[in-house]
Amino acid sequence: MELNFTFFNNWVQKQLGIELSAYKERQMQRRIVNIMHKAQVQTLEEYARLLEKDALERTAFIEHLTINVTNFYRNKEIFETFAQQLKTEIFAHFEAPKIWSAACSTGAEPYTLAMIAAKMNCPNARIIATDIDEAILHKARAGRYREYEVNELSKTELQRFFTRLPDGSFEAKNELKRKVTFKRQDLLQDPYEQSCHAVVCRNVTIYFKAQARDEVYRKLVAALVPGGILFTGATETINAASQLGLKKLDSFIYQKV
């Protein structure tokens, strides 16, 4: 049976506000088929009707669609290099830097940024964290993580920034939560944050078609102040970075000139 992805893409755009046509086609279609079969429906028209009437199925669809893979200090060696660039290029020059964690998933990344700012004595740093998935943002705001999810954190960091709960999980302390503001945002359609001193957008654009990817990078650069830095994922490359007004500081780290 041939599936009507044109119909479904249009339906998702209209009803859920998500632009599937900007994602890599075969990859996205595989994900849709997988979750459609889990819901035990045979056609995309039937699946759309299910999503329309069942809020839980709708939430499950969005969570499956968005790639919520993250952890503290993801790719730790690279992240620590970025932390040093933050210290020398941003914290040393700006009293109240604004840092945007785009596609923040469950919050490990923006909380990592908040910890870095605290450890580097930059108490006025503001962390903005955005994601397309409201359910994931709810989890991020709660700031609760299972033991294996915090295994990249030191004992000192856990003691300073987290509370261990009776079930063995860890919850971010209020001093850390207060540093991060979570918002819903679709990188493909919604307005971008502005006047940012650093933007972290990692392992996101690899799922976009080339035209959408390039437009996202253009907007991310526009969101930065001169001298601001952009941190991308270890599998992502910015083509012709200099044409976007960027110079390379290190692997996956760029500065707006």
C-alpha atoms as a PDB file:
ATOM      1  CA  MET A   1       0.000   0.000   0.000  1.00  0.00           C
ATOM      2  CA  GLU A   2       1.395   3.393  -1.000  1.00  0.00           C
ATOM      3  CA  LEU A   3       1.305   5.933   1.827  1.00  0.00           C
ATOM      4  CA  ASN A   4       0.141   9.475   1.133  1.00  0.00           C
ATOM      5  CA  PHE A   5       2.963  11.506   2.682  1.00  0.00           C
ATOM      6  CA  THR A   6       1.930  14.652   0.794  1.00  0.00           C
ATOM      7  CA  PHE A   7      -1.424  14.588   2.553  1.00  0.00           C
ATOM      8  CA  PHE A   8       0.173  13.822   5.922  1.00  0.00           C
ATOM      9  CA  ASN A   9       2.861  16.506   5.644  1.00  0.00           C
ATOM     10  CA  ASN A  10       0.187  19.088   4.837  1.00  0.00           C
ATOM     11  CA  TRP A  11      -1.979  17.874   7.721  1.00  0.00           C
ATOM     12  CA  VAL A  12       0.914  18.081  10.216  1.00  0.00           C
ATOM     13  CA  GLN A  13       1.811  21.555   8.963  1.00  0.00           C
ATOM     14  CA  LYS A  14      -1.777  22.790   9.361  1.00  0.00           C
ATOM     15  CA  GLN A  15      -2.753  21.017  12.584  1.00  0.00           C
ATOM     16  CA  LEU A  16       0.526  20.789  14.502  1.00  0.00           C
ATOM     17  CA  GLY A  17       2.531  23.618  12.960  1.00  0.00           C
ATOM     18  CA  ILE A  18       5.519  21.383  12.115  1.00  0.00           C
ATOM     19  CA  GLU A  19       7.118  21.692   8.678  1.00  0.00           C
ATOM     20  CA  LEU A  20       8.008  18.100   7.795  1.00  0.00           C
ATOM     21  CA  SER A  21       8.971  19.013   4.236  1.00  0.00           C
ATOM     22  CA  ALA A  22      12.155  20.669   5.543  1.00  0.00           C
ATOM     23  CA  TYR A  23      13.425  17.405   7.051  1.00  0.00           C
ATOM     24  CA  LYS A  24      15.345  14.778   5.111  1.00  0.00           C
ATOM     25  CA  GLU A  25      12.585  12.855   3.409  1.00  0.00           C
ATOM     26  CA  ARG A  26      13.507   9.169   3.704  1.00  0.00           C
ATOM     27  CA  GLN A  27      14.687   9.519   7.264  1.00  0.00           C
ATOM     28  CA  MET A  28      11.517  11.290   8.376  1.00  0.00           C
ATOM     29  CA  GLN A  29       9.226   8.911   6.518  1.00  0.00           C
ATOM     30  CA  ARG A  30      10.835   5.919   8.237  1.00  0.00           C
ATOM     31  CA  ARG A  31      10.173   7.510  11.626  1.00  0.00           C
ATOM     32  CA  ILE A  32       6.548   8.231  10.741  1.00  0.00           C
ATOM     33  CA  VAL A  33       5.929   4.692   9.486  1.00  0.00           C
ATOM     34  CA  ASN A  34       7.483   3.197  12.628  1.00  0.00           C
ATOM     35  CA  ILE A  35       5.262   5.102  15.051  1.00  0.00           C
ATOM     36  CA  MET A  36       2.181   4.703  12.823  1.00  0.00           C
ATOM     37  CA  HIS A  37       2.608   0.927  12.999  1.00  0.00           C
ATOM     38  CA  LYS A  38       3.039   1.095  16.785  1.00  0.00           C
ATOM     39  CA  ALA A  39      -0.336   2.855  16.889  1.00  0.00           C
ATOM     40  CA  GLN A  40      -1.736  -0.084  14.879  1.00  0.00           C
ATOM     41  CA  VAL A  41      -3.097   1.925  11.979  1.00  0.00           C
ATOM     42  CA  GLN A  42      -2.580   1.169   8.292  1.00  0.00           C
ATOM     43  CA  THR A  43      -2.830   4.497   6.470  1.00  0.00           C
ATOM     44  CA  LEU A  44      -1.662   8.021   7.101  1.00  0.00           C
ATOM     45  CA  GLU A  45      -5.237   9.291   6.739  1.00  0.00           C
ATOM     46  CA  GLU A  46      -6.292   6.952   9.544  1.00  0.00           C
ATOM     47  CA  TYR A  47      -3.270   8.002  11.611  1.00  0.00           C
ATOM     48  CA  ALA A  48      -4.136  11.698  11.160  1.00  0.00           C
ATOM     49  CA  ARG A  49      -7.664  11.025  12.443  1.00  0.00           C
ATOM     50  CA  LEU A  50      -6.192   9.238  15.456  1.00  0.00           C
ATOM     51  CA  LEU A  51      -3.841  12.116  16.225  1.00  0.00           C
ATOM     52  CA  GLU A  52      -6.688  14.590  15.871  1.00  0.00           C
ATOM     53  CA  LYS A  53      -8.809  12.947  18.569  1.00  0.00           C
ATOM     54  CA  ASP A  54      -6.190  11.423  20.908  1.00  0.00           C
ATOM     55  CA  ALA A  55      -3.953  13.859  22.797  1.00  0.00           C
ATOM     56  CA  LEU A  56      -1.701  11.095  24.151  1.00  0.00           C
ATOM     57  CA  GLU A  57      -1.039   9.729  20.672  1.00  0.00           C
ATOM     58  CA  ARG A  58      -0.354  13.271  19.481  1.00  0.00           C
ATOM     59  CA  THR A  59       2.217  13.790  22.235  1.00  0.00           C
ATOM     60  CA  ALA A  60       3.835  10.433  21.461  1.00  0.00           C
ATOM     61  CA  PHE A  61       4.054  11.379  17.774  1.00  0.00           C
ATOM     62  CA  ILE A  62       5.788  14.694  18.459  1.00  0.00           C
ATOM     63  CA  GLU A  63       8.207  13.093  20.917  1.00  0.00           C
ATOM     64  CA  HIS A  64       9.064  10.393  18.362  1.00  0.00           C
ATOM     65  CA  LEU A  65       9.446  12.945  15.600  1.00  0.00           C
ATOM     66  CA  THR A  66      11.893  15.151  17.473  1.00  0.00           C
ATOM     67  CA  ILE A  67      15.233  13.519  18.210  1.00  0.00           C
ATOM     68  CA  ASN A  68      15.543  13.891  21.981  1.00  0.00           C
ATOM     69  CA  VAL A  69      19.064  12.565  22.517  1.00  0.00           C
ATOM     70  CA  THR A  70      21.139  14.563  24.955  1.00  0.00           C
ATOM     71  CA  ASN A  71      23.266  14.385  28.073  1.00  0.00           C
ATOM     72  CA  PHE A  72      25.393  16.598  30.279  1.00  0.00           C
ATOM     73  CA  TYR A  73      28.661  17.666  28.629  1.00  0.00           C
ATOM     74  CA  ARG A  74      27.726  15.791  25.457  1.00  0.00           C
ATOM     75  CA  ASN A  75      31.004  14.954  23.674  1.00  0.00           C
ATOM     76  CA  LYS A  76      32.804  16.078  26.817  1.00  0.00           C
ATOM     77  CA  GLU A  77      36.202  16.945  25.375  1.00  0.00           C
ATOM     78  CA  ILE A  78      34.620  19.169  22.717  1.00  0.00           C
ATOM     79  CA  PHE A  79      32.248  20.716  25.259  1.00  0.00           C
ATOM     80  CA  GLU A  80      35.133  21.574  27.595  1.00  0.00           C
ATOM     81  CA  THR A  81      36.914  23.299  24.708  1.00  0.00           C
ATOM     82  CA  PHE A  82      33.733  25.327  24.148  1.00  0.00           C
ATOM     83  CA  ALA A  83      33.652  26.180  27.868  1.00  0.00           C
ATOM     84  CA  GLN A  84      37.135  27.656  27.601  1.00  0.00           C
ATOM     85  CA  GLN A  85      36.072  29.724  24.590  1.00  0.00           C
ATOM     86  CA  LEU A  86      33.108  30.970  26.618  1.00  0.00           C
ATOM     87  CA  LYS A  87      35.481  32.014  29.364  1.00  0.00           C
ATOM     88  CA  THR A  88      37.945  33.905  27.168  1.00  0.00           C
ATOM     89  CA  GLU A  89      35.679  35.253  24.415  1.00  0.00           C
ATOM     90  CA  ILE A  90      32.402  35.873  26.254  1.00  0.00           C
ATOM     91  CA  PHE A  91      32.599  35.895  30.056  1.00  0.00           C
ATOM     92  CA  ALA A  92      35.738  38.038  30.003  1.00  0.00           C
ATOM     93  CA  HIS A  93      34.081  40.732  27.865  1.00  0.00           C
ATOM     94  CA  PHE A  94      30.356  40.750  28.676  1.00  0.00           C
ATOM     95  CA  GLU A  95      28.929  41.303  32.166  1.00  0.00           C
ATOM     96  CA  ALA A  96      25.508  39.718  31.491  1.00  0.00           C
ATOM     97  CA  PRO A  97      25.926  37.364  28.540  1.00  0.00           C
ATOM     98  CA  LYS A  98      22.880  35.773  26.929  1.00  0.00           C
ATOM     99  CA  ILE A  99      23.381  32.137  25.895  1.00  0.00           C
ATOM    100  CA  TRP A 100      20.824  30.320  23.779  1.00  0.00           C
ATOM    101  CA  SER A 101      20.544  26.529  23.825  1.00  0.00           C
ATOM    102  CA  ALA A 102      18.531  25.728  20.701  1.00  0.00           C
ATOM    103  CA  ALA A 103      16.729  22.362  20.518  1.00  0.00           C
ATOM    104  CA  CYS A 104      17.563  21.780  24.174  1.00  0.00           C
ATOM    105  CA  SER A 105      15.672  18.487  24.585  1.00  0.00           C
ATOM    106  CA  THR A 106      15.402  17.376  28.244  1.00  0.00           C
ATOM    107  CA  GLY A 107      17.501  20.258  29.540  1.00  0.00           C
ATOM    108  CA  ALA A 108      20.886  18.635  30.143  1.00  0.00           C
ATOM    109  CA  GLU A 109      22.596  21.071  27.771  1.00  0.00           C
ATOM    110  CA  PRO A 110      21.269  24.375  29.205  1.00  0.00           C
ATOM    111  CA  TYR A 111      21.837  23.148  32.765  1.00  0.00           C
ATOM    112  CA  THR A 112      25.413  22.286  31.748  1.00  0.00           C
ATOM    113  CA  LEU A 113      25.802  25.854  30.463  1.00  0.00           C
ATOM    114  CA  ALA A 114      24.408  27.248  33.721  1.00  0.00           C
ATOM    115  CA  MET A 115      26.881  25.167  35.732  1.00  0.00           C
ATOM    116  CA  ILE A 116      29.768  26.359  33.576  1.00  0.00           C
ATOM    117  CA  ALA A 117      28.750  29.998  34.113  1.00  0.00           C
ATOM    118  CA  ALA A 118      28.506  29.471  37.872  1.00  0.00           C
ATOM    119  CA  LYS A 119      31.891  27.738  38.092  1.00  0.00           C
ATOM    120  CA  MET A 120      33.486  30.510  36.013  1.00  0.00           C
ATOM    121  CA  ASN A 121      32.051  33.233  38.248  1.00  0.00           C
ATOM    122  CA  CYS A 122      29.665  34.697  35.722  1.00  0.00           C
ATOM    123  CA  PRO A 123      26.551  35.013  37.927  1.00  0.00           C
ATOM    124  CA  ASN A 124      24.693  37.289  35.503  1.00  0.00           C
ATOM    125  CA  ALA A 125      24.708  34.864  32.582  1.00  0.00           C
ATOM    126  CA  ARG A 126      21.221  34.228  31.161  1.00  0.00           C
ATOM    127  CA  ILE A 127      20.453  30.876  29.590  1.00  0.00           C
ATOM    128  CA  ILE A 128      17.552  30.660  27.126  1.00  0.00           C
ATOM    129  CA  ALA A 129      16.589  27.093  26.195  1.00  0.00           C
ATOM    130  CA  THR A 130      14.153  26.258  23.400  1.00  0.00           C
ATOM    131  CA  ASP A 131      12.647  23.133  21.887  1.00  0.00           C
ATOM    132  CA  ILE A 132       9.749  22.264  19.597  1.00  0.00           C
ATOM    133  CA  ASP A 133       8.343  19.628  21.981  1.00  0.00           C
ATOM    134  CA  GLU A 134       6.199  20.919  24.876  1.00  0.00           C
ATOM    135  CA  ALA A 135       6.267  17.563  26.686  1.00  0.00           C
ATOM    136  CA  ILE A 136      10.066  17.519  26.602  1.00  0.00           C
ATOM    137  CA  LEU A 137      10.173  21.116  27.858  1.00  0.00           C
ATOM    138  CA  HIS A 138       7.988  20.082  30.799  1.00  0.00           C
ATOM    139  CA  LYS A 139      10.563  17.420  31.690  1.00  0.00           C
ATOM    140  CA  ALA A 140      13.385  19.919  31.270  1.00  0.00           C
ATOM    141  CA  ARG A 141      11.773  22.421  33.619  1.00  0.00           C
ATOM    142  CA  ALA A 142      11.371  19.683  36.242  1.00  0.00           C
ATOM    143  CA  GLY A 143      15.119  19.068  36.003  1.00  0.00           C
ATOM    144  CA  ARG A 144      15.002  15.457  37.171  1.00  0.00           C
ATOM    145  CA  TYR A 145      17.483  12.913  35.860  1.00  0.00           C
ATOM    146  CA  ARG A 146      18.166   9.256  36.509  1.00  0.00           C
ATOM    147  CA  GLU A 147      21.559   8.229  37.804  1.00  0.00           C
ATOM    148  CA  TYR A 148      22.903   7.086  34.436  1.00  0.00           C
ATOM    149  CA  GLU A 149      21.930  10.440  32.901  1.00  0.00           C
ATOM    150  CA  VAL A 150      24.277  12.364  35.213  1.00  0.00           C
ATOM    151  CA  ASN A 151      27.270  10.036  34.937  1.00  0.00           C
ATOM    152  CA  GLU A 152      29.341  12.730  33.184  1.00  0.00           C
ATOM    153  CA  LEU A 153      29.029  15.030  36.206  1.00  0.00           C
ATOM    154  CA  SER A 154      31.612  15.064  38.983  1.00  0.00           C
ATOM    155  CA  LYS A 155      30.728  14.399  42.607  1.00  0.00           C
ATOM    156  CA  THR A 156      31.407  18.067  43.304  1.00  0.00           C
ATOM    157  CA  GLU A 157      28.972  19.167  40.606  1.00  0.00           C
ATOM    158  CA  LEU A 158      26.285  16.783  41.831  1.00  0.00           C
ATOM    159  CA  GLN A 159      26.657  17.998  45.408  1.00  0.00           C
ATOM    160  CA  ARG A 160      26.653  21.676  44.437  1.00  0.00           C
ATOM    161  CA  PHE A 161      23.931  21.746  41.805  1.00  0.00           C
ATOM    162  CA  PHE A 162      21.667  18.724  42.435  1.00  0.00           C
ATOM    163  CA  THR A 163      19.621  17.089  45.159  1.00  0.00           C
ATOM    164  CA  ARG A 164      19.505  13.309  45.353  1.00  0.00           C
ATOM    165  CA  LEU A 165      15.919  12.083  45.680  1.00  0.00           C
ATOM    166  CA  PRO A 166      14.724   9.002  47.602  1.00  0.00           C
ATOM    167  CA  ASP A 167      14.309   7.018  44.360  1.00  0.00           C
ATOM    168  CA  GLY A 168      17.980   7.573  43.489  1.00  0.00           C
ATOM    169  CA  SER A 169      17.375  10.175  40.795  1.00  0.00           C
ATOM    170  CA  PHE A 170      18.807  13.694  40.876  1.00  0.00           C
ATOM    171  CA  GLU A 171      16.956  17.014  40.680  1.00  0.00           C
ATOM    172  CA  ALA A 172      18.546  20.322  39.727  1.00  0.00           C
ATOM    173  CA  LYS A 173      18.571  22.743  42.638  1.00  0.00           C
ATOM    174  CA  ASN A 174      16.552  25.937  42.366  1.00  0.00           C
ATOM    175  CA  GLU A 175      19.704  28.039  42.012  1.00  0.00           C
ATOM    176  CA  LEU A 176      20.389  26.165  38.769  1.00  0.00           C
ATOM    177  CA  LYS A 177      16.791  26.148  37.543  1.00  0.00           C
ATOM    178  CA  ARG A 178      16.523  29.921  38.029  1.00  0.00           C
ATOM    179  CA  LYS A 179      19.352  30.447  35.546  1.00  0.00           C
ATOM    180  CA  VAL A 180      17.469  28.782  32.673  1.00  0.00           C
ATOM    181  CA  THR A 181      14.354  30.030  30.887  1.00  0.00           C
ATOM    182  CA  PHE A 182      12.617  27.382  28.768  1.00  0.00           C
ATOM    183  CA  LYS A 183      10.461  28.301  25.760  1.00  0.00           C
ATOM    184  CA  ARG A 184       8.804  26.457  22.887  1.00  0.00           C
ATOM    185  CA  GLN A 185      10.289  27.226  19.499  1.00  0.00           C
ATOM    186  CA  ASP A 186      10.397  25.673  16.031  1.00  0.00           C
ATOM    187  CA  LEU A 187      13.714  26.504  14.371  1.00  0.00           C
ATOM    188  CA  LEU A 188      12.134  26.187  10.943  1.00  0.00           C
ATOM    189  CA  GLN A 189       9.242  28.593  11.470  1.00  0.00           C
ATOM    190  CA  ASP A 190       9.388  30.706  14.633  1.00  0.00           C
ATOM    191  CA  PRO A 191      11.289  33.958  15.306  1.00  0.00           C
ATOM    192  CA  TYR A 192      14.792  33.521  16.691  1.00  0.00           C
ATOM    193  CA  GLU A 193      16.297  34.868  19.885  1.00  0.00           C
ATOM    194  CA  GLN A 194      18.309  38.028  19.301  1.00  0.00           C
ATOM    195  CA  SER A 195      21.361  39.734  20.833  1.00  0.00           C
ATOM    196  CA  CYS A 196      22.870  36.424  21.924  1.00  0.00           C
ATOM    197  CA  HIS A 197      26.483  36.212  23.037  1.00  0.00           C
ATOM    198  CA  ALA A 198      26.609  32.472  22.408  1.00  0.00           C
ATOM    199  CA  VAL A 199      24.353  30.013  20.616  1.00  0.00           C
ATOM    200  CA  VAL A 200      24.560  26.256  21.100  1.00  0.00           C
ATOM    201  CA  CYS A 201      22.783  24.318  18.338  1.00  0.00           C
ATOM    202  CA  ARG A 202      24.126  20.777  18.173  1.00  0.00           C
ATOM    203  CA  ASN A 203      23.076  17.661  16.283  1.00  0.00           C
ATOM    204  CA  VAL A 204      19.939  19.297  14.901  1.00  0.00           C
ATOM    205  CA  THR A 205      20.645  20.458  11.358  1.00  0.00           C
ATOM    206  CA  ILE A 206      21.805  16.964  10.331  1.00  0.00           C
ATOM    207  CA  TYR A 207      18.097  16.082  10.053  1.00  0.00           C
ATOM    208  CA  PHE A 208      17.282  19.017   7.747  1.00  0.00           C
ATOM    209  CA  LYS A 209      17.497  19.280   3.988  1.00  0.00           C
ATOM    210  CA  ALA A 210      20.377  21.412   2.727  1.00  0.00           C
ATOM    211  CA  GLN A 211      18.276  24.511   2.031  1.00  0.00           C
ATOM    212  CA  ALA A 212      16.629  24.421   5.462  1.00  0.00           C
ATOM    213  CA  ARG A 213      19.973  23.754   7.165  1.00  0.00           C
ATOM    214  CA  ASP A 214      21.647  26.726   5.482  1.00  0.00           C
ATOM    215  CA  GLU A 215      18.741  29.008   6.387  1.00  0.00           C
ATOM    216  CA  VAL A 216      18.920  27.912  10.030  1.00  0.00           C
ATOM    217  CA  TYR A 217      22.628  28.746  10.164  1.00  0.00           C
ATOM    218  CA  ARG A 218      22.010  32.129   8.553  1.00  0.00           C
ATOM    219  CA  LYS A 219      19.425  32.940  11.219  1.00  0.00           C
ATOM    220  CA  LEU A 220      21.635  31.652  14.036  1.00  0.00           C
ATOM    221  CA  VAL A 221      24.455  33.942  12.929  1.00  0.00           C
ATOM    222  CA  ALA A 222      21.999  36.860  12.763  1.00  0.00           C
ATOM    223  CA  ALA A 223      20.988  36.063  16.351  1.00  0.00           C
ATOM    224  CA  LEU A 224      24.556  36.646  17.567  1.00  0.00           C
ATOM    225  CA  VAL A 225      26.120  39.943  18.589  1.00  0.00           C
ATOM    226  CA  PRO A 226      29.491  40.716  16.953  1.00  0.00           C
ATOM    227  CA  GLY A 227      32.080  38.614  18.757  1.00  0.00           C
ATOM    228  CA  GLY A 228      29.464  36.045  19.765  1.00  0.00           C
ATOM    229  CA  ILE A 229      30.173  32.348  19.308  1.00  0.00           C
ATOM    230  CA  LEU A 230      28.260  29.490  17.707  1.00  0.00           C
ATOM    231  CA  PHE A 231      28.749  25.894  18.867  1.00  0.00           C
ATOM    232  CA  THR A 232      27.586  23.134  16.494  1.00  0.00           C
ATOM    233  CA  GLY A 233      27.458  19.346  16.724  1.00  0.00           C
ATOM    234  CA  ALA A 234      30.351  16.978  16.124  1.00  0.00           C
ATOM    235  CA  THR A 235      28.670  15.639  12.967  1.00  0.00           C
ATOM    236  CA  GLU A 236      27.777  19.035  11.504  1.00  0.00           C
ATOM    237  CA  THR A 237      29.722  21.304   9.186  1.00  0.00           C
ATOM    238  CA  ILE A 238      28.937  24.874   8.184  1.00  0.00           C
ATOM    239  CA  ASN A 239      29.619  25.289   4.499  1.00  0.00           C
ATOM    240  CA  ALA A 240      31.362  28.566   3.562  1.00  0.00           C
ATOM    241  CA  ALA A 241      31.359  29.812   7.151  1.00  0.00           C
ATOM    242  CA  SER A 242      33.240  32.968   6.173  1.00  0.00           C
ATOM    243  CA  GLN A 243      30.404  33.945   3.816  1.00  0.00           C
ATOM    244  CA  LEU A 244      28.077  33.903   6.817  1.00  0.00           C
ATOM    245  CA  GLY A 245      30.392  36.236   8.708  1.00  0.00           C
ATOM    246  CA  LEU A 246      31.997  33.531  10.848  1.00  0.00           C
ATOM    247  CA  LYS A 247      35.578  32.620  11.626  1.00  0.00           C
ATOM    248  CA  LYS A 248      36.529  29.233  13.042  1.00  0.00           C
ATOM    249  CA  LEU A 249      37.879  29.262  16.602  1.00  0.00           C
ATOM    250  CA  ASP A 250      38.127  25.500  17.041  1.00  0.00           C
ATOM    251  CA  SER A 251      36.438  22.321  15.854  1.00  0.00           C
ATOM    252  CA  PHE A 252      32.690  23.035  15.672  1.00  0.00           C
ATOM    253  CA  ILE A 253      33.136  26.461  17.326  1.00  0.00           C
ATOM    254  CA  TYR A 254      32.759  29.673  15.309  1.00  0.00           C
ATOM    255  CA  GLN A 255      32.848  33.383  16.107  1.00  0.00           C
ATOM    256  CA  LYS A 256      30.845  36.141  14.446  1.00  0.00           C
ATOM    257  CA  VAL A 257      33.214  38.781  13.062  1.00  0.00           C
END
